[in-house]
Amino acid sequence: MIIETSRFGRVSLNAEDLLTFPEGLLGFADLRSFVLLDDPSDEIFAWLQSCESPAIAFPVLEPELFNENYRLNLTKSDLEALRLASMKEARAFSIITVPEDPTLMTANLKAPIVINVKEKTARQCVLQDNNLAIREPIFSKLQQRVVSNPTVSIKGQSAGMDVATPLRAADSGQGV
């Protein structure tokens, strides 16, 4: 399958790379098909790319990379919607906002993207914990992580699921 993206151009994907969001994302309810893409030229972020709208892509990180005490407490309805028996079958990602000044980047800890890895279904879950921020500053935390382990990239410190590496259609022999 080939999708158009504004960030990576035409990208060739395998069907197993697709993530289905039955309810869409907050503010993007009409978009249901996404893929996690790894940008080989970016040492930090993966991208949650819409397969339906080339311009819609969100930088994401696993929250444990900048908040080692982060715990997901999903409601029963979240677990049922994701068809999860436990969080062992899931991965969570925070959507990152990177303003013009990257030192002001923030993560949404309150509404993570939770993925049922086996089923390839996902949901943006709004957590009930009032101590979680929608705009958690993360630049200095990521910087500390790099300083503490400079030989391993942030992505290399991730414990998450496989992220597809964009294979541009031109590189795959399928033409642009």
Foldseek 3Di string as FASTA:
>chain_A
DWAAAPVQGIFDDDPLQWAFACQAAVVGRVQGIWGWADEPVDLAWIWTQGRVDRHDIFTKDQVCLQPVPQDDDADPVQCVVQVHPDCVQKGKIWTKDQDPPNQQIFTQSQFIWIARSVVSYIYGGGGPDPVGHGGHRRNVSNVVSCVVPVVAGSVRPDPDDDHHYTDHCVNVPNHD
